N, C-alpha and C. Protein backbone atom coordinates (compact mmCIF):
# COMPACT_ATOMS: atom_id res chain seq x y z
N MET A 1 -11.36 12.49 5.21
CA MET A 1 -11.24 12.14 4.38
C MET A 1 -10.29 10.97 4.87
N ALA A 2 -10.43 10.01 4.11
CA ALA A 2 -10.03 8.62 4.65
C ALA A 2 -9.24 8.60 3.73
N TYR A 3 -7.80 8.13 4.30
CA TYR A 3 -6.76 8.16 4.10
C TYR A 3 -6.28 6.68 3.27
N THR A 4 -6.68 5.17 3.52
CA THR A 4 -6.35 4.16 3.31
C THR A 4 -7.46 3.65 2.85
N ILE A 5 -7.84 2.72 1.42
CA ILE A 5 -8.74 1.56 1.41
C ILE A 5 -8.46 0.33 2.19
N ASP A 6 -9.81 -0.21 2.14
CA ASP A 6 -9.62 -1.30 3.29
C ASP A 6 -10.39 -2.35 2.87
N ARG A 7 -9.95 -3.55 3.18
CA ARG A 7 -10.58 -4.64 3.30
C ARG A 7 -10.24 -5.52 4.17
N THR A 8 -11.59 -6.68 4.88
CA THR A 8 -10.74 -7.37 5.60
C THR A 8 -11.26 -9.00 5.27
N ILE A 9 -10.04 -9.80 5.58
CA ILE A 9 -10.13 -10.92 4.80
C ILE A 9 -9.96 -11.51 5.81
N THR A 10 -11.51 -12.47 6.15
CA THR A 10 -11.59 -13.85 7.09
C THR A 10 -11.44 -15.06 6.13
N GLY A 11 -11.26 -16.21 7.08
CA GLY A 11 -10.77 -17.58 6.43
C GLY A 11 -9.08 -17.68 5.93
N ALA A 12 -8.37 -16.88 6.34
CA ALA A 12 -7.27 -17.07 5.41
C ALA A 12 -6.10 -16.86 6.12
N THR A 13 -4.85 -17.37 5.96
CA THR A 13 -3.57 -16.51 7.03
C THR A 13 -3.21 -15.51 6.39
N MET A 14 -2.25 -15.08 7.43
CA MET A 14 -1.11 -13.66 6.87
C MET A 14 -0.70 -14.22 5.68
N ASN A 15 0.02 -15.54 5.48
CA ASN A 15 0.86 -15.81 4.47
C ASN A 15 -0.30 -16.06 3.34
N ASP A 16 -1.20 -15.97 3.22
CA ASP A 16 -2.03 -16.59 2.03
C ASP A 16 -2.49 -15.31 1.82
N VAL A 17 -2.90 -14.11 2.77
CA VAL A 17 -3.41 -12.89 2.17
C VAL A 17 -2.06 -11.93 1.54
N GLU A 18 -0.90 -12.42 1.96
CA GLU A 18 0.27 -11.61 1.30
C GLU A 18 0.46 -12.50 0.12
N VAL A 19 0.51 -13.18 -0.46
CA VAL A 19 0.26 -13.80 -1.65
C VAL A 19 -0.62 -13.33 -2.64
N ARG A 20 -1.59 -13.55 -2.12
CA ARG A 20 -2.83 -13.38 -2.59
C ARG A 20 -2.13 -11.94 -3.04
N THR A 21 -2.40 -11.05 -2.07
CA THR A 21 -1.92 -8.58 -2.35
C THR A 21 -0.07 -9.34 -3.40
N ARG A 22 -0.03 -9.78 -3.14
CA ARG A 22 1.17 -9.64 -4.36
C ARG A 22 0.74 -10.26 -5.41
N ALA A 23 0.39 -10.85 -5.53
CA ALA A 23 -0.55 -11.65 -6.84
C ALA A 23 -0.95 -10.41 -7.83
N ALA A 24 -2.22 -9.38 -6.81
CA ALA A 24 -3.07 -8.51 -7.22
C ALA A 24 -2.29 -8.01 -7.54
N LEU A 25 -1.21 -7.49 -6.59
CA LEU A 25 -0.90 -6.55 -7.23
C LEU A 25 0.51 -6.49 -8.73
N ALA A 26 0.90 -7.57 -9.03
CA ALA A 26 1.21 -7.61 -10.34
C ALA A 26 0.78 -7.69 -11.27
N ASP A 27 -0.16 -8.40 -11.01
CA ASP A 27 -1.19 -8.75 -11.83
C ASP A 27 -1.85 -6.12 -12.82
N ALA A 28 -1.57 -6.10 -11.46
CA ALA A 28 -2.20 -4.27 -11.90
C ALA A 28 -0.78 -3.62 -11.98
N SER A 29 0.78 -4.05 -12.73
CA SER A 29 1.72 -4.06 -12.98
C SER A 29 2.44 -3.21 -11.48
N PHE A 30 2.02 -3.51 -10.83
CA PHE A 30 2.63 -2.75 -9.42
C PHE A 30 3.60 -4.34 -9.18
N GLY A 31 5.42 -3.77 -8.57
CA GLY A 31 6.23 -4.58 -8.00
C GLY A 31 6.51 -4.42 -6.54
N VAL A 32 6.74 -4.66 -5.28
CA VAL A 32 6.74 -4.53 -4.50
C VAL A 32 8.58 -4.45 -4.07
N LEU A 33 8.71 -2.78 -3.81
CA LEU A 33 10.18 -2.24 -3.96
C LEU A 33 10.57 -2.88 -2.55
N THR A 34 9.74 -2.35 -1.29
CA THR A 34 10.50 -2.68 0.20
C THR A 34 9.11 -3.49 0.66
N GLU A 35 9.87 -3.75 1.64
CA GLU A 35 8.99 -4.88 2.59
C GLU A 35 9.52 -4.48 4.06
N ILE A 36 8.47 -4.51 5.22
CA ILE A 36 9.10 -4.73 6.37
C ILE A 36 8.29 -5.50 7.07
N ASP A 37 8.38 -6.37 7.83
CA ASP A 37 8.07 -7.09 8.86
C ASP A 37 7.73 -6.55 10.56
N VAL A 38 6.68 -6.04 10.73
CA VAL A 38 7.08 -5.05 12.05
C VAL A 38 6.28 -5.75 12.50
N LYS A 39 6.08 -6.44 12.92
CA LYS A 39 6.15 -7.54 14.24
C LYS A 39 7.36 -7.74 14.50
N ALA A 40 8.09 -8.48 13.81
CA ALA A 40 9.45 -9.38 13.96
C ALA A 40 10.29 -7.97 14.26
N THR A 41 10.05 -6.87 13.80
CA THR A 41 11.39 -5.44 14.27
C THR A 41 10.71 -5.02 15.12
N MET A 42 9.63 -4.99 15.81
CA MET A 42 9.23 -4.43 17.07
C MET A 42 9.20 -5.56 18.35
N LYS A 43 9.75 -6.98 18.15
CA LYS A 43 10.21 -7.74 18.98
C LYS A 43 11.58 -7.77 18.71
N LYS A 44 12.70 -7.78 17.75
CA LYS A 44 14.03 -7.55 17.72
C LYS A 44 14.35 -6.06 18.36
N LYS A 45 13.95 -4.65 18.28
CA LYS A 45 14.61 -3.78 18.48
C LYS A 45 14.04 -3.15 20.08
N ILE A 46 12.71 -4.05 20.04
CA ILE A 46 12.08 -3.16 21.57
C ILE A 46 11.56 -4.24 22.48
N ASP A 47 11.38 -6.02 22.30
CA ASP A 47 11.16 -6.48 22.65
C ASP A 47 9.85 -6.38 23.15
N LYS A 48 8.76 -6.36 22.04
CA LYS A 48 7.72 -6.33 22.15
C LYS A 48 7.18 -7.23 21.37
N ASP A 49 5.98 -7.69 21.71
CA ASP A 49 4.85 -8.61 21.24
C ASP A 49 3.40 -7.76 20.29
N MET A 50 3.15 -8.59 19.47
CA MET A 50 2.46 -8.02 18.64
C MET A 50 1.45 -9.15 17.11
N GLY A 51 0.55 -8.45 16.91
CA GLY A 51 0.22 -9.88 16.02
C GLY A 51 0.77 -9.42 14.74
N GLY A 52 0.95 -9.85 13.85
CA GLY A 52 0.90 -9.94 12.31
C GLY A 52 1.19 -8.58 11.49
N TYR A 53 2.24 -8.03 11.09
CA TYR A 53 2.01 -6.57 10.70
C TYR A 53 2.86 -6.16 9.26
N LEU A 54 2.51 -6.26 8.16
CA LEU A 54 3.57 -6.52 7.32
C LEU A 54 3.68 -5.45 6.26
N ILE A 55 4.55 -4.29 6.09
CA ILE A 55 4.46 -3.01 5.08
C ILE A 55 4.86 -3.88 3.88
N LEU A 56 4.12 -3.84 2.67
CA LEU A 56 4.73 -3.47 1.46
C LEU A 56 4.84 -2.71 0.26
N GLY A 57 5.64 -1.97 0.03
CA GLY A 57 6.02 -0.31 -0.33
C GLY A 57 5.91 -1.06 -2.08
N ALA A 58 4.71 -0.61 -2.26
CA ALA A 58 4.67 -0.76 -3.72
C ALA A 58 4.57 0.13 -4.97
N CYS A 59 5.03 -0.67 -6.31
CA CYS A 59 5.69 1.18 -6.98
C CYS A 59 4.61 0.18 -8.60
N ASN A 60 4.20 1.17 -9.21
CA ASN A 60 3.80 0.99 -10.37
C ASN A 60 4.84 2.09 -11.53
N PRO A 61 5.88 1.62 -11.76
CA PRO A 61 6.76 1.95 -12.74
C PRO A 61 6.00 3.36 -13.32
N MET A 62 5.83 3.05 -14.12
CA MET A 62 5.03 4.28 -15.46
C MET A 62 3.71 4.96 -14.72
N MET A 63 3.46 4.94 -13.89
CA MET A 63 2.66 5.87 -12.81
C MET A 63 3.61 6.99 -11.84
N ALA A 64 4.70 5.97 -11.83
CA ALA A 64 6.21 6.89 -10.65
C ALA A 64 6.84 7.75 -11.64
N TRP A 65 6.64 7.11 -12.58
CA TRP A 65 7.79 8.24 -13.81
C TRP A 65 6.27 8.87 -14.06
N GLN A 66 5.47 9.40 -14.22
CA GLN A 66 4.66 10.41 -14.76
C GLN A 66 4.33 11.43 -13.32
N ALA A 67 4.27 10.54 -12.24
CA ALA A 67 3.98 11.31 -10.75
C ALA A 67 5.20 12.31 -10.69
N ILE A 68 6.74 12.06 -10.63
CA ILE A 68 7.87 12.57 -10.79
C ILE A 68 8.16 13.52 -11.70
N GLY A 69 7.62 13.16 -13.38
CA GLY A 69 7.79 13.85 -14.67
C GLY A 69 7.08 15.45 -13.75
N PHE A 70 5.88 15.24 -13.08
CA PHE A 70 4.73 16.11 -12.92
C PHE A 70 5.55 16.93 -11.72
N GLU A 71 6.44 16.60 -10.75
CA GLU A 71 6.69 16.98 -9.20
C GLU A 71 7.92 16.05 -9.03
N PRO A 72 8.44 16.80 -9.35
CA PRO A 72 10.54 15.69 -9.06
C PRO A 72 10.34 15.45 -7.38
N LYS A 73 9.60 16.30 -6.45
CA LYS A 73 9.77 15.94 -5.12
C LYS A 73 8.88 14.66 -4.42
N VAL A 74 7.85 14.79 -5.14
CA VAL A 74 7.22 13.94 -5.03
C VAL A 74 7.53 12.15 -4.89
N GLY A 75 8.88 11.88 -4.75
CA GLY A 75 9.55 10.68 -4.54
C GLY A 75 9.65 10.74 -2.90
N ALA A 76 9.66 11.71 -2.32
CA ALA A 76 9.78 11.84 -0.74
C ALA A 76 8.14 10.63 -0.55
N MET A 77 7.49 10.80 -1.48
CA MET A 77 5.73 9.93 -0.80
C MET A 77 6.28 9.12 -1.92
N LEU A 78 6.93 8.32 -1.91
CA LEU A 78 6.91 7.12 -2.63
C LEU A 78 7.88 6.48 -1.61
N PRO A 79 7.14 4.69 -2.03
CA PRO A 79 6.19 4.23 -2.69
C PRO A 79 4.76 3.84 -2.17
N CYS A 80 3.79 3.98 -2.82
CA CYS A 80 2.52 3.04 -2.43
C CYS A 80 2.25 2.31 -1.03
N ASN A 81 2.36 2.34 0.27
CA ASN A 81 2.30 1.96 1.28
C ASN A 81 1.06 0.40 1.29
N VAL A 82 0.73 -0.04 1.07
CA VAL A 82 -0.04 -1.96 1.52
C VAL A 82 0.35 -2.26 2.52
N ILE A 83 -0.51 -2.15 3.48
CA ILE A 83 -0.39 -3.27 5.13
C ILE A 83 -1.52 -4.43 4.97
N LEU A 84 -0.54 -5.23 5.80
CA LEU A 84 -1.62 -6.30 6.21
C LEU A 84 -1.12 -6.50 8.06
N ARG A 85 -2.14 -6.56 7.96
CA ARG A 85 -2.53 -6.87 9.37
C ARG A 85 -3.35 -7.14 10.69
N GLU A 86 -3.11 -8.89 11.24
CA GLU A 86 -3.99 -8.98 11.70
C GLU A 86 -5.02 -8.54 12.47
N THR A 87 -5.87 -8.82 12.95
CA THR A 87 -7.18 -8.76 13.24
C THR A 87 -7.77 -9.46 14.38
N ASP A 88 -8.80 -9.56 15.04
CA ASP A 88 -9.84 -10.15 15.44
C ASP A 88 -10.85 -10.45 14.53
N ALA A 89 -10.98 -9.75 13.49
CA ALA A 89 -11.49 -9.69 12.80
C ALA A 89 -11.24 -10.69 11.27
N GLY A 90 -10.07 -10.91 10.97
CA GLY A 90 -9.73 -11.38 9.85
C GLY A 90 -8.30 -10.55 9.42
N ILE A 91 -8.07 -10.74 8.59
CA ILE A 91 -6.24 -10.38 7.98
C ILE A 91 -6.78 -8.96 7.12
N GLU A 92 -6.59 -7.76 7.85
CA GLU A 92 -7.00 -6.40 7.24
C GLU A 92 -5.87 -5.62 6.38
N VAL A 93 -6.46 -5.63 5.16
CA VAL A 93 -5.37 -5.09 4.07
C VAL A 93 -5.82 -3.65 3.97
N SER A 94 -4.97 -2.70 3.96
CA SER A 94 -5.03 -1.54 3.51
C SER A 94 -4.16 -0.76 2.55
N ALA A 95 -4.56 -0.24 1.90
CA ALA A 95 -3.53 0.41 0.71
C ALA A 95 -4.23 1.73 0.83
N VAL A 96 -2.90 2.70 0.46
CA VAL A 96 -2.97 4.28 0.90
C VAL A 96 -3.71 4.74 -0.42
N ASP A 97 -4.43 5.67 0.08
CA ASP A 97 -4.82 6.74 -0.84
C ASP A 97 -4.41 7.45 -1.49
N PRO A 98 -3.90 7.43 -2.87
CA PRO A 98 -2.40 8.44 -2.94
C PRO A 98 -3.19 9.57 -3.29
N GLN A 99 -4.08 10.00 -3.61
CA GLN A 99 -4.88 11.61 -3.77
C GLN A 99 -5.26 12.42 -2.23
N ALA A 100 -5.86 10.99 -1.16
CA ALA A 100 -6.13 11.86 0.20
C ALA A 100 -3.79 12.26 0.46
N SER A 101 -3.35 11.53 0.46
CA SER A 101 -1.61 11.77 0.93
C SER A 101 -1.54 12.96 0.19
N MET A 102 -1.53 13.16 -1.13
CA MET A 102 -1.04 14.06 -1.80
C MET A 102 -1.60 15.28 -1.72
N ALA A 103 -2.60 15.14 -1.15
CA ALA A 103 -3.90 16.87 -1.54
C ALA A 103 -2.95 17.94 -0.99
N GLY A 104 -1.93 18.26 -0.30
CA GLY A 104 -1.17 19.25 -0.26
C GLY A 104 -0.69 19.85 -0.71
N ILE A 105 -0.09 19.29 -1.78
CA ILE A 105 0.50 19.44 -2.91
C ILE A 105 -0.70 19.41 -4.32
N LYS A 106 -0.04 21.17 -4.41
CA LYS A 106 -1.19 22.34 -5.47
C LYS A 106 -0.61 21.45 -6.83
N ASN A 107 -0.78 20.49 -7.21
CA ASN A 107 -0.99 20.30 -8.69
C ASN A 107 -1.59 19.41 -9.39
N GLY A 108 -2.46 19.86 -10.03
CA GLY A 108 -3.49 19.38 -10.65
C GLY A 108 -3.35 18.31 -11.72
N ASP A 109 -2.04 18.33 -12.61
CA ASP A 109 -1.67 17.17 -12.96
C ASP A 109 -1.14 16.06 -12.02
N LEU A 110 -0.86 15.97 -11.30
CA LEU A 110 -0.12 15.30 -9.99
C LEU A 110 -1.44 14.58 -9.22
N GLN A 111 -2.00 15.59 -8.90
CA GLN A 111 -3.69 15.07 -8.53
C GLN A 111 -4.38 14.21 -9.61
N GLY A 112 -4.38 14.17 -11.10
CA GLY A 112 -4.87 13.55 -11.66
C GLY A 112 -3.94 11.78 -11.84
N VAL A 113 -2.66 11.85 -12.07
CA VAL A 113 -2.29 10.73 -11.56
C VAL A 113 -2.71 10.12 -10.61
N ALA A 114 -2.64 10.74 -9.19
CA ALA A 114 -2.66 10.28 -7.82
C ALA A 114 -3.92 9.68 -8.14
N GLY A 115 -5.30 10.35 -8.76
CA GLY A 115 -6.66 9.27 -8.90
C GLY A 115 -6.55 8.21 -9.48
N GLN A 116 -5.56 8.01 -10.91
CA GLN A 116 -5.55 6.91 -11.52
C GLN A 116 -5.05 5.98 -10.52
N VAL A 117 -3.94 6.17 -9.04
CA VAL A 117 -3.34 5.59 -8.82
C VAL A 117 -4.27 4.76 -7.81
N ARG A 118 -5.52 5.83 -7.40
CA ARG A 118 -5.48 5.28 -6.13
C ARG A 118 -6.98 4.38 -6.98
N ASP A 119 -7.45 4.42 -8.09
CA ASP A 119 -8.23 3.79 -8.39
C ASP A 119 -7.44 2.09 -9.00
N MET A 120 -6.85 2.23 -9.04
CA MET A 120 -5.77 0.66 -9.52
C MET A 120 -5.64 0.44 -8.20
N LEU A 121 -5.50 0.68 -7.08
CA LEU A 121 -5.21 0.42 -5.90
C LEU A 121 -6.57 -0.29 -5.12
N ARG A 122 -7.82 0.33 -5.72
CA ARG A 122 -8.55 -0.16 -4.99
C ARG A 122 -8.91 -1.04 -6.13
N ASP A 123 -8.54 -1.34 -6.95
CA ASP A 123 -9.43 -2.44 -7.44
C ASP A 123 -8.38 -3.84 -7.22
N VAL A 124 -7.06 -3.25 -6.60
CA VAL A 124 -6.35 -4.53 -6.37
C VAL A 124 -6.56 -4.68 -4.97
N VAL A 125 -7.06 -4.21 -4.15
CA VAL A 125 -7.45 -4.15 -2.89
C VAL A 125 -8.96 -5.32 -2.55
N ALA A 126 -9.55 -4.78 -3.76
CA ALA A 126 -11.25 -5.64 -3.99
C ALA A 126 -10.93 -7.30 -4.60
N ALA A 127 -9.61 -7.15 -5.31
CA ALA A 127 -8.51 -8.71 -6.29
C ALA A 127 -8.36 -9.83 -5.05
N ILE A 128 -8.36 -9.32 -4.15
CA ILE A 128 -7.32 -9.96 -2.98
C ILE A 128 -8.23 -11.28 -2.18
């Protein structure tokens, strides 16, 4: 089972794709709670160079509210990460598939919410 929803954007810079990703997330009522510049962190912490790699921790508050209501410890698996990664083919955008990541939690109500969020993230990735 795939655990991410992927799309490669060609002919755009990392910054352009980041702006488009943030806009698509906002249009779907996701906020960005966290962001990690992995490229800068690797350089600072271990003096290693790599291509652009950004992790955005996205959250749709209503969906998170529902998920936490069904499974209080699910917060350990939130927010939904979306990565932007420079590749030879272009900028790859990958969003976590919440249904795949929560497959080990045996709660049908939670799986229903995870399926809805997966569909929302699929639409976000397609809109970038």
